[in-house]
PDB file of all heavy atoms in Angstrom:
ATOM      1  N   LEU A   1       2.741 -13.005 -13.616  1.00  0.00           N
ATOM      2  CA  LEU A   1       3.947 -12.737 -12.827  1.00  0.00           C
ATOM      3  C   LEU A   1       3.603 -11.736 -11.728  1.00  0.00           C
ATOM      4  O   LEU A   1       3.129 -10.631 -12.004  1.00  0.00           O
ATOM      5  CB  LEU A   1       5.053 -12.174 -13.720  1.00  0.00           C
ATOM      6  CG  LEU A   1       6.294 -11.606 -13.010  1.00  0.00           C
ATOM      7  CD1 LEU A   1       7.011 -12.669 -12.201  1.00  0.00           C
ATOM      8  CD2 LEU A   1       7.244 -10.968 -14.025  1.00  0.00           C
ATOM      9  N   ALA A   2       3.848 -12.120 -10.481  1.00  0.00           N
ATOM     10  CA  ALA A   2       3.550 -11.259  -9.332  1.00  0.00           C
ATOM     11  C   ALA A   2       4.735 -10.351  -9.033  1.00  0.00           C
ATOM     12  O   ALA A   2       5.806 -10.835  -8.670  1.00  0.00           O
ATOM     13  CB  ALA A   2       3.211 -12.107  -8.108  1.00  0.00           C
ATOM     14  N   GLU A   3       4.529  -9.038  -9.201  1.00  0.00           N
ATOM     15  CA  GLU A   3       5.561  -8.065  -8.850  1.00  0.00           C
ATOM     16  C   GLU A   3       5.294  -7.620  -7.418  1.00  0.00           C
ATOM     17  O   GLU A   3       4.598  -6.643  -7.179  1.00  0.00           O
ATOM     18  CB  GLU A   3       5.527  -6.875  -9.821  1.00  0.00           C
ATOM     19  CG  GLU A   3       6.653  -5.865  -9.612  1.00  0.00           C
ATOM     20  CD  GLU A   3       6.267  -4.692  -8.714  1.00  0.00           C
ATOM     21  OE1 GLU A   3       5.060  -4.484  -8.461  1.00  0.00           O
ATOM     22  OE2 GLU A   3       7.177  -3.982  -8.263  1.00  0.00           O
ATOM     23  N   ALA A   4       5.824  -8.393  -6.488  1.00  0.00           N
ATOM     24  CA  ALA A   4       5.563  -8.123  -5.078  1.00  0.00           C
ATOM     25  C   ALA A   4       6.863  -8.243  -4.301  1.00  0.00           C
ATOM     26  O   ALA A   4       7.318  -9.345  -4.018  1.00  0.00           O
ATOM     27  CB  ALA A   4       4.511  -9.090  -4.531  1.00  0.00           C
ATOM     28  N   PHE A   5       7.471  -7.111  -3.973  1.00  0.00           N
ATOM     29  CA  PHE A   5       8.636  -7.100  -3.095  1.00  0.00           C
ATOM     30  C   PHE A   5       8.127  -6.723  -1.704  1.00  0.00           C
ATOM     31  O   PHE A   5       8.083  -5.545  -1.345  1.00  0.00           O
ATOM     32  CB  PHE A   5       9.676  -6.093  -3.586  1.00  0.00           C
ATOM     33  CG  PHE A   5      10.220  -6.388  -4.951  1.00  0.00           C
ATOM     34  CD1 PHE A   5       9.838  -5.630  -6.041  1.00  0.00           C
ATOM     35  CD2 PHE A   5      11.119  -7.423  -5.158  1.00  0.00           C
ATOM     36  CE1 PHE A   5      10.350  -5.884  -7.308  1.00  0.00           C
ATOM     37  CE2 PHE A   5      11.638  -7.695  -6.414  1.00  0.00           C
ATOM     38  CZ  PHE A   5      11.240  -6.922  -7.492  1.00  0.00           C
ATOM     39  N   THR A   6       7.731  -7.695  -0.936  1.00  0.00           N
ATOM     40  CA  THR A   6       7.096  -7.416   0.347  1.00  0.00           C
ATOM     41  C   THR A   6       7.442  -8.529   1.335  1.00  0.00           C
ATOM     42  O   THR A   6       8.424  -9.250   1.145  1.00  0.00           O
ATOM     43  CB  THR A   6       5.572  -7.267   0.164  1.00  0.00           C
ATOM     44  OG1 THR A   6       4.983  -6.912   1.411  1.00  0.00           O
ATOM     45  CG2 THR A   6       4.933  -8.542  -0.368  1.00  0.00           C
ATOM     46  N   ARG A   7       6.656  -8.702   2.353  1.00  0.00           N
ATOM     47  CA  ARG A   7       6.944  -9.664   3.413  1.00  0.00           C
ATOM     48  C   ARG A   7       6.858 -11.095   2.882  1.00  0.00           C
ATOM     49  O   ARG A   7       6.022 -11.409   2.024  1.00  0.00           O
ATOM     50  CB  ARG A   7       5.978  -9.463   4.573  1.00  0.00           C
ATOM     51  CG  ARG A   7       6.015  -8.049   5.134  1.00  0.00           C
ATOM     52  CD  ARG A   7       5.144  -7.895   6.363  1.00  0.00           C
ATOM     53  NE  ARG A   7       3.773  -8.320   6.172  1.00  0.00           N
ATOM     54  CZ  ARG A   7       2.839  -7.590   5.560  1.00  0.00           C
ATOM     55  NH1 ARG A   7       3.141  -6.416   5.046  1.00  0.00           N
ATOM     56  NH2 ARG A   7       1.598  -8.046   5.461  1.00  0.00           N
ATOM     57  N   PRO A   8       7.690 -12.000   3.403  1.00  0.00           N
ATOM     58  CA  PRO A   8       7.748 -13.368   2.858  1.00  0.00           C
ATOM     59  C   PRO A   8       6.407 -14.087   2.847  1.00  0.00           C
ATOM     60  O   PRO A   8       6.040 -14.719   1.854  1.00  0.00           O
ATOM     61  CB  PRO A   8       8.752 -14.071   3.780  1.00  0.00           C
ATOM     62  CG  PRO A   8       9.620 -12.987   4.304  1.00  0.00           C
ATOM     63  CD  PRO A   8       8.734 -11.789   4.435  1.00  0.00           C
ATOM     64  N   ARG A   9       5.645 -14.016   3.941  1.00  0.00           N
ATOM     65  CA  ARG A   9       4.388 -14.767   3.988  1.00  0.00           C
ATOM     66  C   ARG A   9       3.401 -14.254   2.944  1.00  0.00           C
ATOM     67  O   ARG A   9       2.631 -15.037   2.374  1.00  0.00           O
ATOM     68  CB  ARG A   9       3.752 -14.659   5.386  1.00  0.00           C
ATOM     69  CG  ARG A   9       4.609 -15.148   6.547  1.00  0.00           C
ATOM     70  CD  ARG A   9       4.906 -16.634   6.487  1.00  0.00           C
ATOM     71  NE  ARG A   9       6.059 -16.936   5.677  1.00  0.00           N
ATOM     72  CZ  ARG A   9       7.325 -16.803   6.082  1.00  0.00           C
ATOM     73  NH1 ARG A   9       7.608 -16.349   7.271  1.00  0.00           N
ATOM     74  NH2 ARG A   9       8.315 -17.147   5.269  1.00  0.00           N
ATOM     75  N   VAL A  10       3.436 -12.952   2.684  1.00  0.00           N
ATOM     76  CA  VAL A  10       2.536 -12.367   1.685  1.00  0.00           C
ATOM     77  C   VAL A  10       2.933 -12.835   0.288  1.00  0.00           C
ATOM     78  O   VAL A  10       2.082 -13.236  -0.521  1.00  0.00           O
ATOM     79  CB  VAL A  10       2.548 -10.834   1.772  1.00  0.00           C
ATOM     80  CG1 VAL A  10       1.706 -10.223   0.657  1.00  0.00           C
ATOM     81  CG2 VAL A  10       2.034 -10.374   3.141  1.00  0.00           C
ATOM     82  N   MET A  11       4.220 -12.815   0.001  1.00  0.00           N
ATOM     83  CA  MET A  11       4.701 -13.277  -1.300  1.00  0.00           C
ATOM     84  C   MET A  11       4.372 -14.758  -1.507  1.00  0.00           C
ATOM     85  O   MET A  11       3.967 -15.179  -2.597  1.00  0.00           O
ATOM     86  CB  MET A  11       6.205 -13.031  -1.414  1.00  0.00           C
ATOM     87  CG  MET A  11       6.579 -11.556  -1.415  1.00  0.00           C
ATOM     88  SD  MET A  11       8.354 -11.255  -1.225  1.00  0.00           S
ATOM     89  CE  MET A  11       8.994 -11.823  -2.780  1.00  0.00           C
ATOM     90  N   GLU A  12       4.533 -15.530  -0.456  1.00  0.00           N
ATOM     91  CA  GLU A  12       4.235 -16.964  -0.550  1.00  0.00           C
ATOM     92  C   GLU A  12       2.747 -17.203  -0.807  1.00  0.00           C
ATOM     93  O   GLU A  12       2.372 -18.072  -1.588  1.00  0.00           O
ATOM     94  CB  GLU A  12       4.679 -17.658   0.739  1.00  0.00           C
ATOM     95  CG  GLU A  12       6.186 -17.681   0.923  1.00  0.00           C
ATOM     96  CD  GLU A  12       6.608 -17.978   2.350  1.00  0.00           C
ATOM     97  OE1 GLU A  12       5.744 -18.422   3.141  1.00  0.00           O
ATOM     98  OE2 GLU A  12       7.780 -17.751   2.688  1.00  0.00           O
ATOM     99  N   ARG A  13       1.899 -16.416  -0.152  1.00  0.00           N
ATOM    100  CA  ARG A  13       0.456 -16.584  -0.340  1.00  0.00           C
ATOM    101  C   ARG A  13       0.059 -16.315  -1.793  1.00  0.00           C
ATOM    102  O   ARG A  13      -0.784 -17.025  -2.364  1.00  0.00           O
ATOM    103  CB  ARG A  13      -0.284 -15.630   0.592  1.00  0.00           C
ATOM    104  CG  ARG A  13      -1.808 -15.773   0.562  1.00  0.00           C
ATOM    105  CD  ARG A  13      -2.234 -17.018   1.300  1.00  0.00           C
ATOM    106  NE  ARG A  13      -3.681 -17.114   1.428  1.00  0.00           N
ATOM    107  CZ  ARG A  13      -4.299 -17.981   2.208  1.00  0.00           C
ATOM    108  NH1 ARG A  13      -3.604 -18.818   2.950  1.00  0.00           N
ATOM    109  NH2 ARG A  13      -5.611 -18.029   2.261  1.00  0.00           N
ATOM    110  N   LEU A  14       0.655 -15.310  -2.397  1.00  0.00           N
ATOM    111  CA  LEU A  14       0.351 -15.008  -3.798  1.00  0.00           C
ATOM    112  C   LEU A  14       0.706 -16.187  -4.696  1.00  0.00           C
ATOM    113  O   LEU A  14      -0.017 -16.496  -5.643  1.00  0.00           O
ATOM    114  CB  LEU A  14       1.104 -13.750  -4.238  1.00  0.00           C
ATOM    115  CG  LEU A  14       0.642 -12.439  -3.587  1.00  0.00           C
ATOM    116  CD1 LEU A  14       1.629 -11.315  -3.882  1.00  0.00           C
ATOM    117  CD2 LEU A  14      -0.753 -12.054  -4.054  1.00  0.00           C
ATOM    118  N   GLY A  15       1.823 -16.848  -4.395  1.00  0.00           N
ATOM    119  CA  GLY A  15       2.188 -18.028  -5.171  1.00  0.00           C
ATOM    120  C   GLY A  15       1.185 -19.148  -4.981  1.00  0.00           C
ATOM    121  O   GLY A  15       0.800 -19.821  -5.943  1.00  0.00           O
ATOM    122  N   LYS A  16       0.717 -19.335  -3.766  1.00  0.00           N
ATOM    123  CA  LYS A  16      -0.218 -20.421  -3.491  1.00  0.00           C
ATOM    124  C   LYS A  16      -1.562 -20.205  -4.177  1.00  0.00           C
ATOM    125  O   LYS A  16      -2.185 -21.166  -4.647  1.00  0.00           O
ATOM    126  CB  LYS A  16      -0.439 -20.552  -1.979  1.00  0.00           C
ATOM    127  CG  LYS A  16       0.751 -21.098  -1.219  1.00  0.00           C
ATOM    128  CD  LYS A  16       0.468 -21.150   0.273  1.00  0.00           C
ATOM    129  CE  LYS A  16       1.668 -21.671   1.051  1.00  0.00           C
ATOM    130  NZ  LYS A  16       1.409 -21.684   2.510  1.00  0.00           N
ATOM    131  N   ILE A  17      -2.033 -18.975  -4.252  1.00  0.00           N
ATOM    132  CA  ILE A  17      -3.378 -18.740  -4.771  1.00  0.00           C
ATOM    133  C   ILE A  17      -3.422 -18.639  -6.292  1.00  0.00           C
ATOM    134  O   ILE A  17      -4.502 -18.435  -6.847  1.00  0.00           O
ATOM    135  CB  ILE A  17      -4.018 -17.484  -4.143  1.00  0.00           C
ATOM    136  CG1 ILE A  17      -3.222 -16.224  -4.504  1.00  0.00           C
ATOM    137  CG2 ILE A  17      -4.157 -17.660  -2.642  1.00  0.00           C
ATOM    138  CD1 ILE A  17      -3.841 -14.951  -3.945  1.00  0.00           C
ATOM    139  N   GLY A  18      -2.246 -18.795  -6.966  1.00  0.00           N
ATOM    140  CA  GLY A  18      -2.350 -18.926  -8.413  1.00  0.00           C
ATOM    141  C   GLY A  18      -1.337 -18.222  -9.277  1.00  0.00           C
ATOM    142  O   GLY A  18      -1.281 -18.492 -10.484  1.00  0.00           O
ATOM    143  N   PHE A  19      -0.534 -17.295  -8.745  1.00  0.00           N
ATOM    144  CA  PHE A  19       0.425 -16.613  -9.600  1.00  0.00           C
ATOM    145  C   PHE A  19       1.452 -17.605 -10.141  1.00  0.00           C
ATOM    146  O   PHE A  19       2.012 -18.408  -9.398  1.00  0.00           O
ATOM    147  CB  PHE A  19       1.108 -15.466  -8.853  1.00  0.00           C
ATOM    148  CG  PHE A  19       0.282 -14.209  -8.820  1.00  0.00           C
ATOM    149  CD1 PHE A  19      -0.608 -13.971  -7.781  1.00  0.00           C
ATOM    150  CD2 PHE A  19       0.360 -13.289  -9.845  1.00  0.00           C
ATOM    151  CE1 PHE A  19      -1.394 -12.841  -7.752  1.00  0.00           C
ATOM    152  CE2 PHE A  19      -0.420 -12.142  -9.833  1.00  0.00           C
ATOM    153  CZ  PHE A  19      -1.300 -11.909  -8.786  1.00  0.00           C
ATOM    154  N   THR A  20       1.696 -17.531 -11.436  1.00  0.00           N
ATOM    155  CA  THR A  20       2.573 -18.476 -12.121  1.00  0.00           C
ATOM    156  C   THR A  20       4.024 -18.306 -11.694  1.00  0.00           C
ATOM    157  O   THR A  20       4.727 -19.282 -11.433  1.00  0.00           O
ATOM    158  CB  THR A  20       2.475 -18.279 -13.642  1.00  0.00           C
ATOM    159  OG1 THR A  20       1.107 -18.273 -14.036  1.00  0.00           O
ATOM    160  CG2 THR A  20       3.228 -19.357 -14.391  1.00  0.00           C
ATOM    161  N   GLN A  21       4.480 -17.059 -11.672  1.00  0.00           N
ATOM    162  CA  GLN A  21       5.852 -16.723 -11.320  1.00  0.00           C
ATOM    163  C   GLN A  21       5.833 -15.558 -10.338  1.00  0.00           C
ATOM    164  O   GLN A  21       4.828 -14.860 -10.197  1.00  0.00           O
ATOM    165  CB  GLN A  21       6.655 -16.320 -12.565  1.00  0.00           C
ATOM    166  CG  GLN A  21       6.729 -17.373 -13.649  1.00  0.00           C
ATOM    167  CD  GLN A  21       7.410 -16.845 -14.905  1.00  0.00           C
ATOM    168  OE1 GLN A  21       7.905 -15.716 -14.946  1.00  0.00           O
ATOM    169  NE2 GLN A  21       7.442 -17.663 -15.943  1.00  0.00           N
ATOM    170  N   SER A  22       6.971 -15.348  -9.670  1.00  0.00           N
ATOM    171  CA  SER A  22       7.029 -14.297  -8.657  1.00  0.00           C
ATOM    172  C   SER A  22       8.397 -13.623  -8.660  1.00  0.00           C
ATOM    173  O   SER A  22       9.425 -14.280  -8.826  1.00  0.00           O
ATOM    174  CB  SER A  22       6.768 -14.884  -7.261  1.00  0.00           C
ATOM    175  OG  SER A  22       5.542 -15.584  -7.220  1.00  0.00           O
ATOM    176  N   TYR A  23       8.385 -12.303  -8.479  1.00  0.00           N
ATOM    177  CA  TYR A  23       9.630 -11.597  -8.196  1.00  0.00           C
ATOM    178  C   TYR A  23      10.188 -12.102  -6.867  1.00  0.00           C
ATOM    179  O   TYR A  23       9.472 -12.717  -6.071  1.00  0.00           O
ATOM    180  CB  TYR A  23       9.388 -10.097  -8.116  1.00  0.00           C
ATOM    181  CG  TYR A  23       9.267  -9.380  -9.444  1.00  0.00           C
ATOM    182  CD1 TYR A  23       8.213  -9.636 -10.310  1.00  0.00           C
ATOM    183  CD2 TYR A  23      10.196  -8.417  -9.817  1.00  0.00           C
ATOM    184  CE1 TYR A  23       8.084  -8.961 -11.522  1.00  0.00           C
ATOM    185  CE2 TYR A  23      10.089  -7.724 -11.022  1.00  0.00           C
ATOM    186  CZ  TYR A  23       9.022  -8.002 -11.878  1.00  0.00           C
ATOM    187  OH  TYR A  23       8.908  -7.330 -13.067  1.00  0.00           O
ATOM    188  N   THR A  24      11.453 -11.809  -6.609  1.00  0.00           N
ATOM    189  CA  THR A  24      12.123 -12.412  -5.456  1.00  0.00           C
ATOM    190  C   THR A  24      13.055 -11.418  -4.768  1.00  0.00           C
ATOM    191  O   THR A  24      13.200 -10.265  -5.192  1.00  0.00           O
ATOM    192  CB  THR A  24      12.969 -13.622  -5.895  1.00  0.00           C
ATOM    193  OG1 THR A  24      14.089 -13.137  -6.653  1.00  0.00           O
ATOM    194  CG2 THR A  24      12.161 -14.600  -6.735  1.00  0.00           C
ATOM    195  N   TYR A  25      13.734 -11.908  -3.729  1.00  0.00           N
ATOM    196  CA  TYR A  25      14.754 -11.117  -3.034  1.00  0.00           C
ATOM    197  C   TYR A  25      16.140 -11.282  -3.655  1.00  0.00           C
ATOM    198  O   TYR A  25      17.130 -10.809  -3.081  1.00  0.00           O
ATOM    199  CB  TYR A  25      14.820 -11.546  -1.563  1.00  0.00           C
ATOM    200  CG  TYR A  25      13.536 -11.380  -0.795  1.00  0.00           C
ATOM    201  CD1 TYR A  25      13.124 -12.355   0.103  1.00  0.00           C
ATOM    202  CD2 TYR A  25      12.741 -10.252  -0.941  1.00  0.00           C
ATOM    203  CE1 TYR A  25      11.950 -12.219   0.827  1.00  0.00           C
ATOM    204  CE2 TYR A  25      11.562 -10.104  -0.229  1.00  0.00           C
ATOM    205  CZ  TYR A  25      11.170 -11.089   0.655  1.00  0.00           C
ATOM    206  OH  TYR A  25      10.002 -10.949   1.369  1.00  0.00           O
ATOM    207  N   PHE A  26      16.234 -11.963  -4.783  1.00  0.00           N
ATOM    208  CA  PHE A  26      17.538 -12.136  -5.436  1.00  0.00           C
ATOM    209  C   PHE A  26      18.277 -10.810  -5.562  1.00  0.00           C
ATOM    210  O   PHE A  26      19.498 -10.742  -5.376  1.00  0.00           O
ATOM    211  CB  PHE A  26      17.340 -12.754  -6.825  1.00  0.00           C
ATOM    212  CG  PHE A  26      18.509 -12.585  -7.756  1.00  0.00           C
ATOM    213  CD1 PHE A  26      19.632 -13.392  -7.639  1.00  0.00           C
ATOM    214  CD2 PHE A  26      18.494 -11.617  -8.753  1.00  0.00           C
ATOM    215  CE1 PHE A  26      20.722 -13.229  -8.491  1.00  0.00           C
ATOM    216  CE2 PHE A  26      19.569 -11.453  -9.610  1.00  0.00           C
ATOM    217  CZ  PHE A  26      20.689 -12.264  -9.477  1.00  0.00           C
ATOM    218  N   THR A  27      17.539  -9.751  -5.869  1.00  0.00           N
ATOM    219  CA  THR A  27      18.140  -8.442  -6.121  1.00  0.00           C
ATOM    220  C   THR A  27      18.992  -7.974  -4.947  1.00  0.00           C
ATOM    221  O   THR A  27      19.956  -7.230  -5.141  1.00  0.00           O
ATOM    222  CB  THR A  27      17.028  -7.414  -6.400  1.00  0.00           C
ATOM    223  OG1 THR A  27      16.055  -8.009  -7.268  1.00  0.00           O
ATOM    224  CG2 THR A  27      17.584  -6.173  -7.064  1.00  0.00           C
ATOM    225  N   TRP A  28      18.656  -8.424  -3.743  1.00  0.00           N
ATOM    226  CA  TRP A  28      19.355  -7.950  -2.544  1.00  0.00           C
ATOM    227  C   TRP A  28      20.203  -9.029  -1.872  1.00  0.00           C
ATOM    228  O   TRP A  28      20.612  -8.861  -0.727  1.00  0.00           O
ATOM    229  CB  TRP A  28      18.333  -7.397  -1.550  1.00  0.00           C
ATOM    230  CG  TRP A  28      17.589  -6.229  -2.108  1.00  0.00           C
ATOM    231  CD1 TRP A  28      17.992  -4.919  -2.152  1.00  0.00           C
ATOM    232  CD2 TRP A  28      16.303  -6.265  -2.733  1.00  0.00           C
ATOM    233  NE1 TRP A  28      17.042  -4.147  -2.753  1.00  0.00           N
ATOM    234  CE2 TRP A  28      15.990  -4.937  -3.128  1.00  0.00           C
ATOM    235  CE3 TRP A  28      15.389  -7.276  -3.004  1.00  0.00           C
ATOM    236  CZ2 TRP A  28      14.795  -4.608  -3.775  1.00  0.00           C
ATOM    237  CZ3 TRP A  28      14.193  -6.950  -3.649  1.00  0.00           C
ATOM    238  CH2 TRP A  28      13.909  -5.636  -4.016  1.00  0.00           C
ATOM    239  N   ARG A  29      20.467 -10.103  -2.536  1.00  0.00           N
ATOM    240  CA  ARG A  29      21.357 -11.131  -1.984  1.00  0.00           C
ATOM    241  C   ARG A  29      22.737 -10.932  -2.610  1.00  0.00           C
ATOM    242  O   ARG A  29      22.914 -11.141  -3.815  1.00  0.00           O
ATOM    243  CB  ARG A  29      20.822 -12.535  -2.278  1.00  0.00           C
ATOM    244  CG  ARG A  29      19.458 -12.822  -1.631  1.00  0.00           C
ATOM    245  CD  ARG A  29      19.557 -12.772  -0.113  1.00  0.00           C
ATOM    246  NE  ARG A  29      18.303 -13.144   0.541  1.00  0.00           N
ATOM    247  CZ  ARG A  29      17.428 -12.285   1.026  1.00  0.00           C
ATOM    248  NH1 ARG A  29      17.666 -10.975   0.927  1.00  0.00           N
ATOM    249  NH2 ARG A  29      16.320 -12.691   1.618  1.00  0.00           N
ATOM    250  N   ASN A  30      23.715 -10.534  -1.776  1.00  0.00           N
ATOM    251  CA  ASN A  30      24.987 -10.045  -2.317  1.00  0.00           C
ATOM    252  C   ASN A  30      26.203 -10.872  -1.950  1.00  0.00           C
ATOM    253  O   ASN A  30      27.289 -10.612  -2.461  1.00  0.00           O
ATOM    254  CB  ASN A  30      25.213  -8.594  -1.864  1.00  0.00           C
ATOM    255  CG  ASN A  30      24.157  -7.662  -2.422  1.00  0.00           C
ATOM    256  OD1 ASN A  30      23.780  -7.779  -3.579  1.00  0.00           O
ATOM    257  ND2 ASN A  30      23.663  -6.757  -1.595  1.00  0.00           N
ATOM    258  N   THR A  31      26.068 -11.864  -1.094  1.00  0.00           N
ATOM    259  CA  THR A  31      27.212 -12.693  -0.733  1.00  0.00           C
ATOM    260  C   THR A  31      26.932 -14.134  -1.132  1.00  0.00           C
ATOM    261  O   THR A  31      25.784 -14.530  -1.361  1.00  0.00           O
ATOM    262  CB  THR A  31      27.497 -12.642   0.778  1.00  0.00           C
ATOM    263  OG1 THR A  31      26.433 -13.307   1.483  1.00  0.00           O
ATOM    264  CG2 THR A  31      27.633 -11.204   1.260  1.00  0.00           C
ATOM    265  N   SER A  32      27.989 -14.912  -1.179  1.00  0.00           N
ATOM    266  CA  SER A  32      27.852 -16.322  -1.527  1.00  0.00           C
ATOM    267  C   SER A  32      26.939 -17.038  -0.540  1.00  0.00           C
ATOM    268  O   SER A  32      26.067 -17.814  -0.935  1.00  0.00           O
ATOM    269  CB  SER A  32      29.234 -16.987  -1.549  1.00  0.00           C
ATOM    270  OG  SER A  32      29.131 -18.372  -1.762  1.00  0.00           O
ATOM    271  N   GLN A  33      27.121 -16.782   0.739  1.00  0.00           N
ATOM    272  CA  GLN A  33      26.311 -17.443   1.760  1.00  0.00           C
ATOM    273  C   GLN A  33      24.848 -17.051   1.633  1.00  0.00           C
ATOM    274  O   GLN A  33      23.947 -17.902   1.718  1.00  0.00           O
ATOM    275  CB  GLN A  33      26.822 -17.105   3.156  1.00  0.00           C
ATOM    276  CG  GLN A  33      26.047 -17.803   4.268  1.00  0.00           C
ATOM    277  CD  GLN A  33      26.618 -17.518   5.648  1.00  0.00           C
ATOM    278  OE1 GLN A  33      27.704 -16.966   5.775  1.00  0.00           O
ATOM    279  NE2 GLN A  33      25.893 -17.888   6.682  1.00  0.00           N
ATOM    280  N   GLU A  34      24.580 -15.755   1.426  1.00  0.00           N
ATOM    281  CA  GLU A  34      23.197 -15.298   1.272  1.00  0.00           C
ATOM    282  C   GLU A  34      22.525 -15.971   0.074  1.00  0.00           C
ATOM    283  O   GLU A  34      21.361 -16.387   0.140  1.00  0.00           O
ATOM    284  CB  GLU A  34      23.164 -13.780   1.094  1.00  0.00           C
ATOM    285  CG  GLU A  34      23.498 -12.992   2.337  1.00  0.00           C
ATOM    286  CD  GLU A  34      23.605 -11.506   2.076  1.00  0.00           C
ATOM    287  OE1 GLU A  34      23.668 -11.094   0.891  1.00  0.00           O
ATOM    288  OE2 GLU A  34      23.627 -10.736   3.051  1.00  0.00           O
ATOM    289  N   MET A  35      23.262 -16.073  -1.019  1.00  0.00           N
ATOM    290  CA  MET A  35      22.692 -16.662  -2.231  1.00  0.00           C
ATOM    291  C   MET A  35      22.396 -18.151  -2.014  1.00  0.00           C
ATOM    292  O   MET A  35      21.348 -18.650  -2.440  1.00  0.00           O
ATOM    293  CB  MET A  35      23.639 -16.456  -3.407  1.00  0.00           C
ATOM    294  CG  MET A  35      22.949 -16.478  -4.754  1.00  0.00           C
ATOM    295  SD  MET A  35      21.820 -15.077  -4.992  1.00  0.00           S
ATOM    296  CE  MET A  35      22.963 -13.752  -5.346  1.00  0.00           C
ATOM    297  N   GLN A  36      23.302 -18.858  -1.370  1.00  0.00           N
ATOM    298  CA  GLN A  36      23.076 -20.278  -1.116  1.00  0.00           C
ATOM    299  C   GLN A  36      21.870 -20.489  -0.198  1.00  0.00           C
ATOM    300  O   GLN A  36      21.030 -21.360  -0.450  1.00  0.00           O
ATOM    301  CB  GLN A  36      24.322 -20.903  -0.486  1.00  0.00           C
ATOM    302  CG  GLN A  36      25.498 -21.023  -1.446  1.00  0.00           C
ATOM    303  CD  GLN A  36      26.641 -21.830  -0.854  1.00  0.00           C
ATOM    304  OE1 GLN A  36      26.442 -22.952  -0.397  1.00  0.00           O
ATOM    305  NE2 GLN A  36      27.833 -21.273  -0.862  1.00  0.00           N
ATOM    306  N   GLU A  37      21.774 -19.702   0.848  1.00  0.00           N
ATOM    307  CA  GLU A  37      20.659 -19.850   1.778  1.00  0.00           C
ATOM    308  C   GLU A  37      19.331 -19.561   1.076  1.00  0.00           C
ATOM    309  O   GLU A  37      18.337 -20.281   1.286  1.00  0.00           O
ATOM    310  CB  GLU A  37      20.846 -18.912   2.969  1.00  0.00           C
ATOM    311  CG  GLU A  37      21.987 -19.317   3.896  1.00  0.00           C
ATOM    312  CD  GLU A  37      22.232 -18.298   4.997  1.00  0.00           C
ATOM    313  OE1 GLU A  37      21.617 -17.207   4.939  1.00  0.00           O
ATOM    314  OE2 GLU A  37      23.044 -18.580   5.903  1.00  0.00           O
ATOM    315  N   TYR A  38      19.305 -18.541   0.239  1.00  0.00           N
ATOM    316  CA  TYR A  38      18.050 -18.170  -0.414  1.00  0.00           C
ATOM    317  C   TYR A  38      17.632 -19.204  -1.447  1.00  0.00           C
ATOM    318  O   TYR A  38      16.459 -19.603  -1.512  1.00  0.00           O
ATOM    319  CB  TYR A  38      18.189 -16.788  -1.056  1.00  0.00           C
ATOM    320  CG  TYR A  38      16.872 -16.238  -1.561  1.00  0.00           C
ATOM    321  CD1 TYR A  38      15.731 -16.293  -0.773  1.00  0.00           C
ATOM    322  CD2 TYR A  38      16.773 -15.661  -2.813  1.00  0.00           C
ATOM    323  CE1 TYR A  38      14.525 -15.788  -1.220  1.00  0.00           C
ATOM    324  CE2 TYR A  38      15.570 -15.153  -3.274  1.00  0.00           C
ATOM    325  CZ  TYR A  38      14.449 -15.211  -2.471  1.00  0.00           C
ATOM    326  OH  TYR A  38      13.258 -14.719  -2.928  1.00  0.00           O
TER     327      TYR A  38
END
């Protein structure tokens, strides 16, 4: 599990190179629209 709260491209790269799961920006999505978009 990658604990990486950082820039999107960096988080995506960690997923591509092998991390099984990843932390996300869910913690900071607070409206219905934000949650749907994410």
